[in-house]
Each structure stands twice: as structure tokens, then as C-alpha cells.
PDB file of N, CA and C in Angstrom:
ATOM      1  N   MET A   1      14.919   0.549  -4.925  1.00  0.00           N
ATOM      2  CA  MET A   1      14.180   1.430  -4.043  1.00  0.00           C
ATOM      3  C   MET A   1      13.340   0.574  -3.092  1.00  0.00           C
ATOM      4  N   GLY A   2      13.468   0.817  -1.804  1.00  0.00           N
ATOM      5  CA  GLY A   2      12.651   0.131  -0.823  1.00  0.00           C
ATOM      6  C   GLY A   2      13.154  -1.230  -0.386  1.00  0.00           C
ATOM      7  N   VAL A   3      14.244  -1.707  -1.003  1.00  0.00           N
ATOM      8  CA  VAL A   3      14.792  -3.005  -0.619  1.00  0.00           C
ATOM      9  C   VAL A   3      16.283  -2.834  -0.325  1.00  0.00           C
ATOM     10  N   THR A   4      16.666  -3.260   0.868  1.00  0.00           N
ATOM     11  CA  THR A   4      18.079  -3.271   1.238  1.00  0.00           C
ATOM     12  C   THR A   4      18.457  -4.712   1.561  1.00  0.00           C
ATOM     13  N   LYS A   5      19.677  -4.924   1.982  1.00  0.00           N
ATOM     14  CA  LYS A   5      20.081  -6.287   2.341  1.00  0.00           C
ATOM     15  C   LYS A   5      19.347  -6.782   3.580  1.00  0.00           C
ATOM     16  N   ASP A   6      18.760  -5.848   4.360  1.00  0.00           N
ATOM     17  CA  ASP A   6      18.095  -6.216   5.610  1.00  0.00           C
ATOM     18  C   ASP A   6      16.583  -5.992   5.633  1.00  0.00           C
ATOM     19  N   THR A   7      16.074  -5.118   4.747  1.00  0.00           N
ATOM     20  CA  THR A   7      14.696  -4.651   4.874  1.00  0.00           C
ATOM     21  C   THR A   7      13.982  -4.568   3.532  1.00  0.00           C
ATOM     22  N   ILE A   8      12.676  -4.812   3.577  1.00  0.00           N
ATOM     23  CA  ILE A   8      11.775  -4.549   2.452  1.00  0.00           C
ATOM     24  C   ILE A   8      10.745  -3.557   2.963  1.00  0.00           C
ATOM     25  N   LEU A   9      10.701  -2.368   2.360  1.00  0.00           N
ATOM     26  CA  LEU A   9       9.771  -1.329   2.799  1.00  0.00           C
ATOM     27  C   LEU A   9       8.536  -1.327   1.904  1.00  0.00           C
ATOM     28  N   ILE A  10       7.396  -1.572   2.529  1.00  0.00           N
ATOM     29  CA  ILE A  10       6.106  -1.616   1.847  1.00  0.00           C
ATOM     30  C   ILE A  10       5.274  -0.444   2.338  1.00  0.00           C
ATOM     31  N   GLY A  11       4.559   0.210   1.427  1.00  0.00           N
ATOM     32  CA  GLY A  11       3.713   1.337   1.806  1.00  0.00           C
ATOM     33  C   GLY A  11       2.261   1.083   1.477  1.00  0.00           C
ATOM     34  N   GLY A  12       1.405   1.904   2.057  1.00  0.00           N
ATOM     35  CA  GLY A  12      -0.014   1.810   1.764  1.00  0.00           C
ATOM     36  C   GLY A  12      -0.773   2.998   2.310  1.00  0.00           C
ATOM     37  N   THR A  13      -1.911   3.271   1.692  1.00  0.00           N
ATOM     38  CA  THR A  13      -2.850   4.259   2.221  1.00  0.00           C
ATOM     39  C   THR A  13      -4.172   3.546   2.441  1.00  0.00           C
ATOM     40  N   ASP A  14      -4.779   3.823   3.560  1.00  0.00           N
ATOM     41  CA  ASP A  14      -6.032   3.166   3.925  1.00  0.00           C
ATOM     42  C   ASP A  14      -6.878   4.113   4.761  1.00  0.00           C
ATOM     43  N   PRO A  15      -8.198   3.864   4.799  1.00  0.00           N
ATOM     44  CA  PRO A  15      -9.081   4.716   5.597  1.00  0.00           C
ATOM     45  C   PRO A  15      -9.064   4.315   7.071  1.00  0.00           C
ATOM     46  N   LEU A  16      -8.202   4.925   7.828  1.00  0.00           N
ATOM     47  CA  LEU A  16      -8.174   4.684   9.268  1.00  0.00           C
ATOM     48  C   LEU A  16      -9.170   5.596   9.981  1.00  0.00           C
ATOM     49  N   SER A  17      -9.643   6.609   9.261  1.00  0.00           N
ATOM     50  CA  SER A  17     -10.671   7.520   9.754  1.00  0.00           C
ATOM     51  C   SER A  17     -11.613   7.809   8.586  1.00  0.00           C
ATOM     52  N   GLY A  18     -12.645   8.597   8.827  1.00  0.00           N
ATOM     53  CA  GLY A  18     -13.567   8.956   7.759  1.00  0.00           C
ATOM     54  C   GLY A  18     -14.671   7.937   7.568  1.00  0.00           C
ATOM     55  N   PRO A  19     -15.416   8.053   6.450  1.00  0.00           N
ATOM     56  CA  PRO A  19     -16.616   7.240   6.250  1.00  0.00           C
ATOM     57  C   PRO A  19     -16.363   5.744   6.097  1.00  0.00           C
ATOM     58  N   ALA A  20     -15.162   5.354   5.781  1.00  0.00           N
ATOM     59  CA  ALA A  20     -14.856   3.925   5.606  1.00  0.00           C
ATOM     60  C   ALA A  20     -13.873   3.430   6.666  1.00  0.00           C
ATOM     61  N   ALA A  21     -13.850   4.092   7.807  1.00  0.00           N
ATOM     62  CA  ALA A  21     -12.891   3.752   8.866  1.00  0.00           C
ATOM     63  C   ALA A  21     -13.015   2.311   9.347  1.00  0.00           C
ATOM     64  N   ALA A  22     -14.185   1.713   9.183  1.00  0.00           N
ATOM     65  CA  ALA A  22     -14.356   0.316   9.604  1.00  0.00           C
ATOM     66  C   ALA A  22     -13.388  -0.608   8.868  1.00  0.00           C
ATOM     67  N   TYR A  23     -12.968  -0.198   7.671  1.00  0.00           N
ATOM     68  CA  TYR A  23     -12.020  -1.002   6.899  1.00  0.00           C
ATOM     69  C   TYR A  23     -10.577  -0.782   7.350  1.00  0.00           C
ATOM     70  N   GLY A  24     -10.376   0.075   8.318  1.00  0.00           N
ATOM     71  CA  GLY A  24      -9.040   0.326   8.846  1.00  0.00           C
ATOM     72  C   GLY A  24      -8.412  -0.888   9.506  1.00  0.00           C
ATOM     73  N   THR A  25      -9.215  -1.918   9.731  1.00  0.00           N
ATOM     74  CA  THR A  25      -8.660  -3.157  10.287  1.00  0.00           C
ATOM     75  C   THR A  25      -7.850  -3.931   9.249  1.00  0.00           C
ATOM     76  N   ILE A  26      -8.088  -3.659   7.972  1.00  0.00           N
ATOM     77  CA  ILE A  26      -7.382  -4.392   6.913  1.00  0.00           C
ATOM     78  C   ILE A  26      -5.868  -4.173   6.994  1.00  0.00           C
ATOM     79  N   PRO A  27      -5.383  -2.925   6.996  1.00  0.00           N
ATOM     80  CA  PRO A  27      -3.923  -2.769   7.078  1.00  0.00           C
ATOM     81  C   PRO A  27      -3.356  -3.231   8.417  1.00  0.00           C
ATOM     82  N   LYS A  28      -4.159  -3.136   9.468  1.00  0.00           N
ATOM     83  CA  LYS A  28      -3.686  -3.607  10.774  1.00  0.00           C
ATOM     84  C   LYS A  28      -3.495  -5.122  10.754  1.00  0.00           C
ATOM     85  N   ALA A  29      -4.404  -5.826  10.086  1.00  0.00           N
ATOM     86  CA  ALA A  29      -4.261  -7.283   9.955  1.00  0.00           C
ATOM     87  C   ALA A  29      -3.050  -7.626   9.088  1.00  0.00           C
ATOM     88  N   ALA A  30      -2.867  -6.882   7.995  1.00  0.00           N
ATOM     89  CA  ALA A  30      -1.699  -7.110   7.137  1.00  0.00           C
ATOM     90  C   ALA A  30      -0.411  -6.868   7.919  1.00  0.00           C
ATOM     91  N   ASP A  31      -0.396  -5.817   8.712  1.00  0.00           N
ATOM     92  CA  ASP A  31       0.781  -5.512   9.517  1.00  0.00           C
ATOM     93  C   ASP A  31       1.075  -6.639  10.507  1.00  0.00           C
ATOM     94  N   ALA A  32       0.025  -7.191  11.098  1.00  0.00           N
ATOM     95  CA  ALA A  32       0.208  -8.324  12.018  1.00  0.00           C
ATOM     96  C   ALA A  32       0.812  -9.518  11.281  1.00  0.00           C
ATOM     97  N   TYR A  33       0.349  -9.755  10.055  1.00  0.00           N
ATOM     98  CA  TYR A  33       0.905 -10.860   9.272  1.00  0.00           C
ATOM     99  C   TYR A  33       2.379 -10.607   8.939  1.00  0.00           C
ATOM    100  N   PHE A  34       2.703  -9.377   8.552  1.00  0.00           N
ATOM    101  CA  PHE A  34       4.099  -9.060   8.245  1.00  0.00           C
ATOM    102  C   PHE A  34       4.981  -9.243   9.482  1.00  0.00           C
ATOM    103  N   HIS A  35       4.459  -8.923  10.651  1.00  0.00           N
ATOM    104  CA  HIS A  35       5.214  -9.176  11.887  1.00  0.00           C
ATOM    105  C   HIS A  35       5.433 -10.677  12.084  1.00  0.00           C
ATOM    106  N   TYR A  36       4.421 -11.459  11.772  1.00  0.00           N
ATOM    107  CA  TYR A  36       4.548 -12.921  11.854  1.00  0.00           C
ATOM    108  C   TYR A  36       5.653 -13.410  10.915  1.00  0.00           C
ATOM    109  N   VAL A  37       5.636 -12.903   9.683  1.00  0.00           N
ATOM    110  CA  VAL A  37       6.670 -13.278   8.712  1.00  0.00           C
ATOM    111  C   VAL A  37       8.048 -12.903   9.258  1.00  0.00           C
ATOM    112  N   ASN A  38       8.163 -11.697   9.790  1.00  0.00           N
ATOM    113  CA  ASN A  38       9.443 -11.247  10.348  1.00  0.00           C
ATOM    114  C   ASN A  38       9.900 -12.133  11.504  1.00  0.00           C
ATOM    115  N   ASP A  39       8.946 -12.497  12.362  1.00  0.00           N
ATOM    116  CA  ASP A  39       9.277 -13.343  13.515  1.00  0.00           C
ATOM    117  C   ASP A  39       9.731 -14.742  13.101  1.00  0.00           C
ATOM    118  N   ASN A  40       9.424 -15.095  11.857  1.00  0.00           N
ATOM    119  CA  ASN A  40       9.797 -16.415  11.345  1.00  0.00           C
ATOM    120  C   ASN A  40      10.872 -16.329  10.264  1.00  0.00           C
ATOM    121  N   GLY A  41      11.710 -15.320  10.353  1.00  0.00           N
ATOM    122  CA  GLY A  41      12.859 -15.233   9.465  1.00  0.00           C
ATOM    123  C   GLY A  41      12.760 -14.218   8.354  1.00  0.00           C
ATOM    124  N   GLY A  42      11.588 -13.612   8.171  1.00  0.00           N
ATOM    125  CA  GLY A  42      11.439 -12.611   7.123  1.00  0.00           C
ATOM    126  C   GLY A  42      11.377 -13.226   5.738  1.00  0.00           C
ATOM    127  N   VAL A  43      11.745 -12.450   4.751  1.00  0.00           N
ATOM    128  CA  VAL A  43      11.746 -12.884   3.353  1.00  0.00           C
ATOM    129  C   VAL A  43      13.195 -12.933   2.891  1.00  0.00           C
ATOM    130  N   ASN A  44      13.693 -14.138   2.716  1.00  0.00           N
ATOM    131  CA  ASN A  44      15.114 -14.310   2.372  1.00  0.00           C
ATOM    132  C   ASN A  44      16.007 -13.533   3.336  1.00  0.00           C
ATOM    133  N   GLY A  45      15.641 -13.587   4.614  1.00  0.00           N
ATOM    134  CA  GLY A  45      16.428 -12.922   5.643  1.00  0.00           C
ATOM    135  C   GLY A  45      16.141 -11.445   5.824  1.00  0.00           C
ATOM    136  N   ARG A  46      15.290 -10.880   4.978  1.00  0.00           N
ATOM    137  CA  ARG A  46      14.951  -9.461   5.092  1.00  0.00           C
ATOM    138  C   ARG A  46      13.684  -9.291   5.937  1.00  0.00           C
ATOM    139  N   GLN A  47      13.675  -8.246   6.744  1.00  0.00           N
ATOM    140  CA  GLN A  47      12.508  -7.906   7.544  1.00  0.00           C
ATOM    141  C   GLN A  47      11.591  -6.983   6.742  1.00  0.00           C
ATOM    142  N   ILE A  48      10.295  -7.212   6.840  1.00  0.00           N
ATOM    143  CA  ILE A  48       9.312  -6.368   6.166  1.00  0.00           C
ATOM    144  C   ILE A  48       8.958  -5.210   7.087  1.00  0.00           C
ATOM    145  N   SER A  49       9.035  -4.020   6.548  1.00  0.00           N
ATOM    146  CA  SER A  49       8.584  -2.826   7.252  1.00  0.00           C
ATOM    147  C   SER A  49       7.393  -2.281   6.468  1.00  0.00           C
ATOM    148  N   TYR A  50       6.240  -2.211   7.114  1.00  0.00           N
ATOM    149  CA  TYR A  50       5.000  -1.802   6.450  1.00  0.00           C
ATOM    150  C   TYR A  50       4.551  -0.467   7.020  1.00  0.00           C
ATOM    151  N   LYS A  51       4.580   0.555   6.186  1.00  0.00           N
ATOM    152  CA  LYS A  51       4.153   1.887   6.606  1.00  0.00           C
ATOM    153  C   LYS A  51       2.850   2.217   5.895  1.00  0.00           C
ATOM    154  N   TYR A  52       1.780   2.341   6.666  1.00  0.00           N
ATOM    155  CA  TYR A  52       0.497   2.709   6.072  1.00  0.00           C
ATOM    156  C   TYR A  52      -0.009   3.998   6.699  1.00  0.00           C
ATOM    157  N   LEU A  53      -0.609   4.826   5.851  1.00  0.00           N
ATOM    158  CA  LEU A  53      -1.052   6.155   6.254  1.00  0.00           C
ATOM    159  C   LEU A  53      -2.554   6.294   6.044  1.00  0.00           C
ATOM    160  N   ASP A  54      -3.168   7.153   6.813  1.00  0.00           N
ATOM    161  CA  ASP A  54      -4.615   7.370   6.791  1.00  0.00           C
ATOM    162  C   ASP A  54      -5.009   8.343   5.685  1.00  0.00           C
ATOM    163  N   ASP A  55      -5.693   7.817   4.654  1.00  0.00           N
ATOM    164  CA  ASP A  55      -6.197   8.704   3.602  1.00  0.00           C
ATOM    165  C   ASP A  55      -7.661   9.090   3.821  1.00  0.00           C
ATOM    166  N   ALA A  56      -8.261   8.602   4.897  1.00  0.00           N
ATOM    167  CA  ALA A  56      -9.646   8.930   5.265  1.00  0.00           C
ATOM    168  C   ALA A  56     -10.639   8.642   4.131  1.00  0.00           C
ATOM    169  N   TYR A  57     -10.278   7.726   3.227  1.00  0.00           N
ATOM    170  CA  TYR A  57     -11.126   7.369   2.083  1.00  0.00           C
ATOM    171  C   TYR A  57     -11.403   8.587   1.203  1.00  0.00           C
ATOM    172  N   ASN A  58     -10.371   9.407   1.020  1.00  0.00           N
ATOM    173  CA  ASN A  58     -10.493  10.653   0.276  1.00  0.00           C
ATOM    174  C   ASN A  58      -9.338  10.738  -0.723  1.00  0.00           C
ATOM    175  N   PRO A  59      -9.641  10.677  -2.035  1.00  0.00           N
ATOM    176  CA  PRO A  59      -8.574  10.726  -3.036  1.00  0.00           C
ATOM    177  C   PRO A  59      -7.679  11.956  -2.912  1.00  0.00           C
ATOM    178  N   ALA A  60      -8.242  13.069  -2.431  1.00  0.00           N
ATOM    179  CA  ALA A  60      -7.437  14.284  -2.258  1.00  0.00           C
ATOM    180  C   ALA A  60      -6.349  14.082  -1.205  1.00  0.00           C
ATOM    181  N   GLN A  61      -6.523  13.097  -0.340  1.00  0.00           N
ATOM    182  CA  GLN A  61      -5.480  12.756   0.629  1.00  0.00           C
ATOM    183  C   GLN A  61      -4.629  11.584   0.143  1.00  0.00           C
ATOM    184  N   THR A  62      -5.236  10.684  -0.631  1.00  0.00           N
ATOM    185  CA  THR A  62      -4.504   9.521  -1.134  1.00  0.00           C
ATOM    186  C   THR A  62      -3.310   9.941  -1.986  1.00  0.00           C
ATOM    187  N   VAL A  63      -3.517  10.933  -2.849  1.00  0.00           N
ATOM    188  CA  VAL A  63      -2.461  11.344  -3.780  1.00  0.00           C
ATOM    189  C   VAL A  63      -1.217  11.862  -3.056  1.00  0.00           C
ATOM    190  N   PRO A  64      -1.319  12.875  -2.191  1.00  0.00           N
ATOM    191  CA  PRO A  64      -0.088  13.352  -1.545  1.00  0.00           C
ATOM    192  C   PRO A  64       0.544  12.330  -0.594  1.00  0.00           C
ATOM    193  N   LEU A  65      -0.283  11.517   0.049  1.00  0.00           N
ATOM    194  CA  LEU A  65       0.276  10.492   0.936  1.00  0.00           C
ATOM    195  C   LEU A  65       1.041   9.439   0.142  1.00  0.00           C
ATOM    196  N   THR A  66       0.504   9.076  -1.015  1.00  0.00           N
ATOM    197  CA  THR A  66       1.194   8.121  -1.883  1.00  0.00           C
ATOM    198  C   THR A  66       2.513   8.703  -2.365  1.00  0.00           C
ATOM    199  N   LYS A  67       2.489   9.963  -2.770  1.00  0.00           N
ATOM    200  CA  LYS A  67       3.727  10.613  -3.218  1.00  0.00           C
ATOM    201  C   LYS A  67       4.755  10.664  -2.092  1.00  0.00           C
ATOM    202  N   GLN A  68       4.295  10.896  -0.876  1.00  0.00           N
ATOM    203  CA  GLN A  68       5.205  10.891   0.278  1.00  0.00           C
ATOM    204  C   GLN A  68       5.849   9.523   0.452  1.00  0.00           C
ATOM    205  N   LEU A  69       5.035   8.476   0.379  1.00  0.00           N
ATOM    206  CA  LEU A  69       5.563   7.122   0.559  1.00  0.00           C
ATOM    207  C   LEU A  69       6.561   6.753  -0.539  1.00  0.00           C
ATOM    208  N   VAL A  70       6.290   7.193  -1.762  1.00  0.00           N
ATOM    209  CA  VAL A  70       7.168   6.860  -2.888  1.00  0.00           C
ATOM    210  C   VAL A  70       8.419   7.733  -2.897  1.00  0.00           C
ATOM    211  N   GLU A  71       8.236   9.041  -2.803  1.00  0.00           N
ATOM    212  CA  GLU A  71       9.350   9.962  -2.998  1.00  0.00           C
ATOM    213  C   GLU A  71      10.208  10.159  -1.749  1.00  0.00           C
ATOM    214  N   GLN A  72       9.585  10.226  -0.590  1.00  0.00           N
ATOM    215  CA  GLN A  72      10.357  10.457   0.637  1.00  0.00           C
ATOM    216  C   GLN A  72      10.778   9.146   1.298  1.00  0.00           C
ATOM    217  N   ASP A  73       9.808   8.264   1.479  1.00  0.00           N
ATOM    218  CA  ASP A  73      10.102   7.006   2.167  1.00  0.00           C
ATOM    219  C   ASP A  73      10.723   5.966   1.238  1.00  0.00           C
ATOM    220  N   GLN A  74      10.476   6.103  -0.052  1.00  0.00           N
ATOM    221  CA  GLN A  74      11.011   5.215  -1.086  1.00  0.00           C
ATOM    222  C   GLN A  74      10.589   3.762  -0.896  1.00  0.00           C
ATOM    223  N   VAL A  75       9.269   3.559  -0.830  1.00  0.00           N
ATOM    224  CA  VAL A  75       8.731   2.209  -0.679  1.00  0.00           C
ATOM    225  C   VAL A  75       8.995   1.380  -1.932  1.00  0.00           C
ATOM    226  N   PHE A  76       9.060   0.082  -1.733  1.00  0.00           N
ATOM    227  CA  PHE A  76       9.249  -0.873  -2.826  1.00  0.00           C
ATOM    228  C   PHE A  76       7.944  -1.095  -3.578  1.00  0.00           C
ATOM    229  N   ILE A  77       6.852  -1.298  -2.837  1.00  0.00           N
ATOM    230  CA  ILE A  77       5.530  -1.479  -3.430  1.00  0.00           C
ATOM    231  C   ILE A  77       4.498  -0.744  -2.590  1.00  0.00           C
ATOM    232  N   MET A  78       3.344  -0.502  -3.215  1.00  0.00           N
ATOM    233  CA  MET A  78       2.165  -0.027  -2.494  1.00  0.00           C
ATOM    234  C   MET A  78       1.258  -1.234  -2.337  1.00  0.00           C
ATOM    235  N   TYR A  79       0.931  -1.532  -1.097  1.00  0.00           N
ATOM    236  CA  TYR A  79       0.177  -2.737  -0.757  1.00  0.00           C
ATOM    237  C   TYR A  79      -1.199  -2.352  -0.225  1.00  0.00           C
ATOM    238  N   GLY A  80      -2.219  -3.028  -0.735  1.00  0.00           N
ATOM    239  CA  GLY A  80      -3.569  -2.800  -0.235  1.00  0.00           C
ATOM    240  C   GLY A  80      -4.137  -1.504  -0.760  1.00  0.00           C
ATOM    241  N   GLY A  81      -4.829  -0.818   0.083  1.00  0.00           N
ATOM    242  CA  GLY A  81      -5.524   0.390  -0.335  1.00  0.00           C
ATOM    243  C   GLY A  81      -6.966   0.052  -0.651  1.00  0.00           C
ATOM    244  N   LEU A  82      -7.848   0.976  -0.349  1.00  0.00           N
ATOM    245  CA  LEU A  82      -9.278   0.719  -0.462  1.00  0.00           C
ATOM    246  C   LEU A  82      -9.954   1.774  -1.307  1.00  0.00           C
ATOM    247  N   GLY A  83     -10.846   1.330  -2.173  1.00  0.00           N
ATOM    248  CA  GLY A  83     -11.731   2.238  -2.886  1.00  0.00           C
ATOM    249  C   GLY A  83     -11.283   2.560  -4.291  1.00  0.00           C
ATOM    250  N   THR A  84     -12.242   2.525  -5.181  1.00  0.00           N
ATOM    251  CA  THR A  84     -11.961   2.778  -6.587  1.00  0.00           C
ATOM    252  C   THR A  84     -11.389   4.169  -6.810  1.00  0.00           C
ATOM    253  N   GLN A  85     -12.054   5.201  -6.302  1.00  0.00           N
ATOM    254  CA  GLN A  85     -11.578   6.565  -6.554  1.00  0.00           C
ATOM    255  C   GLN A  85     -10.201   6.809  -5.945  1.00  0.00           C
ATOM    256  N   CYS A  86     -10.006   6.347  -4.732  1.00  0.00           N
ATOM    257  CA  CYS A  86      -8.699   6.554  -4.087  1.00  0.00           C
ATOM    258  C   CYS A  86      -7.584   5.862  -4.864  1.00  0.00           C
ATOM    259  N   GLN A  87      -7.811   4.630  -5.238  1.00  0.00           N
ATOM    260  CA  GLN A  87      -6.742   3.848  -5.859  1.00  0.00           C
ATOM    261  C   GLN A  87      -6.517   4.196  -7.328  1.00  0.00           C
ATOM    262  N   THR A  88      -7.578   4.528  -8.061  1.00  0.00           N
ATOM    263  CA  THR A  88      -7.365   4.951  -9.450  1.00  0.00           C
ATOM    264  C   THR A  88      -6.731   6.338  -9.502  1.00  0.00           C
ATOM    265  N   SER A  89      -6.890   7.136  -8.448  1.00  0.00           N
ATOM    266  CA  SER A  89      -6.296   8.476  -8.445  1.00  0.00           C
ATOM    267  C   SER A  89      -4.769   8.432  -8.395  1.00  0.00           C
ATOM    268  N   VAL A  90      -4.201   7.307  -7.996  1.00  0.00           N
ATOM    269  CA  VAL A  90      -2.737   7.198  -7.913  1.00  0.00           C
ATOM    270  C   VAL A  90      -2.159   6.169  -8.885  1.00  0.00           C
ATOM    271  N   ARG A  91      -3.000   5.503  -9.612  1.00  0.00           N
ATOM    272  CA  ARG A  91      -2.525   4.422 -10.489  1.00  0.00           C
ATOM    273  C   ARG A  91      -1.525   4.910 -11.534  1.00  0.00           C
ATOM    274  N   ASP A  92      -1.874   5.962 -12.268  1.00  0.00           N
ATOM    275  CA  ASP A  92      -0.964   6.462 -13.303  1.00  0.00           C
ATOM    276  C   ASP A  92       0.354   6.948 -12.696  1.00  0.00           C
ATOM    277  N   TYR A  93       0.264   7.625 -11.567  1.00  0.00           N
ATOM    278  CA  TYR A  93       1.477   8.099 -10.887  1.00  0.00           C
ATOM    279  C   TYR A  93       2.377   6.920 -10.519  1.00  0.00           C
ATOM    280  N   LEU A  94       1.791   5.902  -9.880  1.00  0.00           N
ATOM    281  CA  LEU A  94       2.590   4.743  -9.476  1.00  0.00           C
ATOM    282  C   LEU A  94       3.188   4.033 -10.683  1.00  0.00           C
ATOM    283  N   ASN A  95       2.417   3.913 -11.753  1.00  0.00           N
ATOM    284  CA  ASN A  95       2.956   3.300 -12.972  1.00  0.00           C
ATOM    285  C   ASN A  95       4.130   4.112 -13.514  1.00  0.00           C
ATOM    286  N   SER A  96       4.007   5.438 -13.491  1.00  0.00           N
ATOM    287  CA  SER A  96       5.093   6.281 -14.011  1.00  0.00           C
ATOM    288  C   SER A  96       6.356   6.154 -13.162  1.00  0.00           C
ATOM    289  N   LYS A  97       6.190   5.865 -11.883  1.00  0.00           N
ATOM    290  CA  LYS A  97       7.329   5.692 -10.980  1.00  0.00           C
ATOM    291  C   LYS A  97       7.793   4.236 -10.899  1.00  0.00           C
ATOM    292  N   LYS A  98       7.073   3.362 -11.620  1.00  0.00           N
ATOM    293  CA  LYS A  98       7.385   1.928 -11.647  1.00  0.00           C
ATOM    294  C   LYS A  98       7.317   1.294 -10.252  1.00  0.00           C
ATOM    295  N   VAL A  99       6.309   1.739  -9.496  1.00  0.00           N
ATOM    296  CA  VAL A  99       6.052   1.185  -8.168  1.00  0.00           C
ATOM    297  C   VAL A  99       4.804   0.317  -8.271  1.00  0.00           C
ATOM    298  N   PRO A 100       4.925  -0.984  -8.064  1.00  0.00           N
ATOM    299  CA  PRO A 100       3.757  -1.860  -8.152  1.00  0.00           C
ATOM    300  C   PRO A 100       2.688  -1.488  -7.122  1.00  0.00           C
ATOM    301  N   GLN A 101       1.442  -1.635  -7.546  1.00  0.00           N
ATOM    302  CA  GLN A 101       0.276  -1.395  -6.693  1.00  0.00           C
ATOM    303  C   GLN A 101      -0.446  -2.736  -6.591  1.00  0.00           C
ATOM    304  N   VAL A 102      -0.345  -3.400  -5.438  1.00  0.00           N
ATOM    305  CA  VAL A 102      -0.829  -4.771  -5.324  1.00  0.00           C
ATOM    306  C   VAL A 102      -1.916  -4.918  -4.260  1.00  0.00           C
ATOM    307  N   PHE A 103      -2.777  -5.911  -4.478  1.00  0.00           N
ATOM    308  CA  PHE A 103      -3.847  -6.283  -3.548  1.00  0.00           C
ATOM    309  C   PHE A 103      -4.746  -5.108  -3.182  1.00  0.00           C
ATOM    310  N   VAL A 104      -5.169  -4.378  -4.206  1.00  0.00           N
ATOM    311  CA  VAL A 104      -6.074  -3.247  -4.028  1.00  0.00           C
ATOM    312  C   VAL A 104      -7.484  -3.774  -3.774  1.00  0.00           C
ATOM    313  N   ALA A 105      -8.167  -3.209  -2.793  1.00  0.00           N
ATOM    314  CA  ALA A 105      -9.545  -3.595  -2.478  1.00  0.00           C
ATOM    315  C   ALA A 105     -10.495  -2.624  -3.173  1.00  0.00           C
ATOM    316  N   THR A 106     -10.961  -3.025  -4.347  1.00  0.00           N
ATOM    317  CA  THR A 106     -11.848  -2.195  -5.148  1.00  0.00           C
ATOM    318  C   THR A 106     -12.665  -3.087  -6.065  1.00  0.00           C
ATOM    319  N   GLY A 107     -13.797  -2.582  -6.473  1.00  0.00           N
ATOM    320  CA  GLY A 107     -14.613  -3.313  -7.431  1.00  0.00           C
ATOM    321  C   GLY A 107     -14.271  -2.978  -8.873  1.00  0.00           C
ATOM    322  N   ALA A 108     -13.328  -2.075  -9.084  1.00  0.00           N
ATOM    323  CA  ALA A 108     -12.975  -1.637 -10.434  1.00  0.00           C
ATOM    324  C   ALA A 108     -12.269  -2.747 -11.198  1.00  0.00           C
ATOM    325  N   THR A 109     -12.741  -3.014 -12.395  1.00  0.00           N
ATOM    326  CA  THR A 109     -12.110  -4.043 -13.226  1.00  0.00           C
ATOM    327  C   THR A 109     -10.798  -3.557 -13.837  1.00  0.00           C
ATOM    328  N   THR A 110     -10.527  -2.278 -13.765  1.00  0.00           N
ATOM    329  CA  THR A 110      -9.309  -1.732 -14.350  1.00  0.00           C
ATOM    330  C   THR A 110      -8.041  -2.345 -13.752  1.00  0.00           C
ATOM    331  N   PHE A 111      -8.144  -2.870 -12.542  1.00  0.00           N
ATOM    332  CA  PHE A 111      -6.972  -3.465 -11.911  1.00  0.00           C
ATOM    333  C   PHE A 111      -6.741  -4.913 -12.332  1.00  0.00           C
ATOM    334  N   SER A 112      -7.714  -5.496 -13.035  1.00  0.00           N
ATOM    335  CA  SER A 112      -7.548  -6.886 -13.463  1.00  0.00           C
ATOM    336  C   SER A 112      -7.851  -7.100 -14.936  1.00  0.00           C
ATOM    337  N   ALA A 113      -8.326  -6.097 -15.624  1.00  0.00           N
ATOM    338  CA  ALA A 113      -8.782  -6.255 -17.008  1.00  0.00           C
ATOM    339  C   ALA A 113      -7.703  -6.809 -17.927  1.00  0.00           C
ATOM    340  N   GLU A 114      -6.455  -6.427 -17.732  1.00  0.00           N
ATOM    341  CA  GLU A 114      -5.379  -6.887 -18.606  1.00  0.00           C
ATOM    342  C   GLU A 114      -5.078  -8.363 -18.426  1.00  0.00           C
ATOM    343  N   PHE A 115      -5.551  -8.942 -17.344  1.00  0.00           N
ATOM    344  CA  PHE A 115      -5.215 -10.320 -17.031  1.00  0.00           C
ATOM    345  C   PHE A 115      -6.397 -11.261 -17.154  1.00  0.00           C
ATOM    346  N   ASP A 116      -7.543 -10.748 -17.579  1.00  0.00           N
ATOM    347  CA  ASP A 116      -8.731 -11.603 -17.723  1.00  0.00           C
ATOM    348  C   ASP A 116      -8.584 -12.556 -18.893  1.00  0.00           C
TER     349      ASP A 116
END
């Protein structure tokens, strides 16, 4: 899911609007980096496609947007994401779908406790 011979599809939800909109630069910077990687050959010849959606820093929006990225878009991983409540609201769902949730920006130790 999310990986073809030509493409790696990465998804994410981030606050592009709402009370934490200032952090909306994070996915934009990641997207710029992925473009750099693509311009330099990609990953084993595959181009990275990064689709990030605005959850407005609201878990009630994070959940359906995450489900859209997983079920409709069929992303390989969920990358980034901001906030403890937003990211913990989708953790069990992503685990049940076996979709990795990586580089989450949160102070919650739950994302690293197993590896301490």
C-alpha cells in the first residue's frame, strides 16, 4: 500500500489553519525536502509524493482526514503531524491498519516509551 515501482505515497495531517497555524510551515518544509530528494533521483528510483491535509489542530478533524489518507489515498506512512491530542487520537487506528506513524511533533512520551 502506498508504494509502487515509481512512487512512494506519504501522508500527513498538520495545522495549516487554526490556533497552531504557525506550525504549518513544518509540512511545507518537509515537502520541499521531498522535492529535493525527487530532483536527485528519489528513493531507489521512486519519487516521493507527500499529501498533507489541514486538521486545524483539532482531533475531530485529524481522525477523518487520517482515515481518508489511509483508506482512500492508501498512503504508505503517516509522516509528521503535530500535537498530542491530534496524534494520539489516530494512533490506535494507524496501528490497526499497520500504517507507521513517524516523526510526530508532540511532547507525549507514548511515542517513544517502548524504545527508552
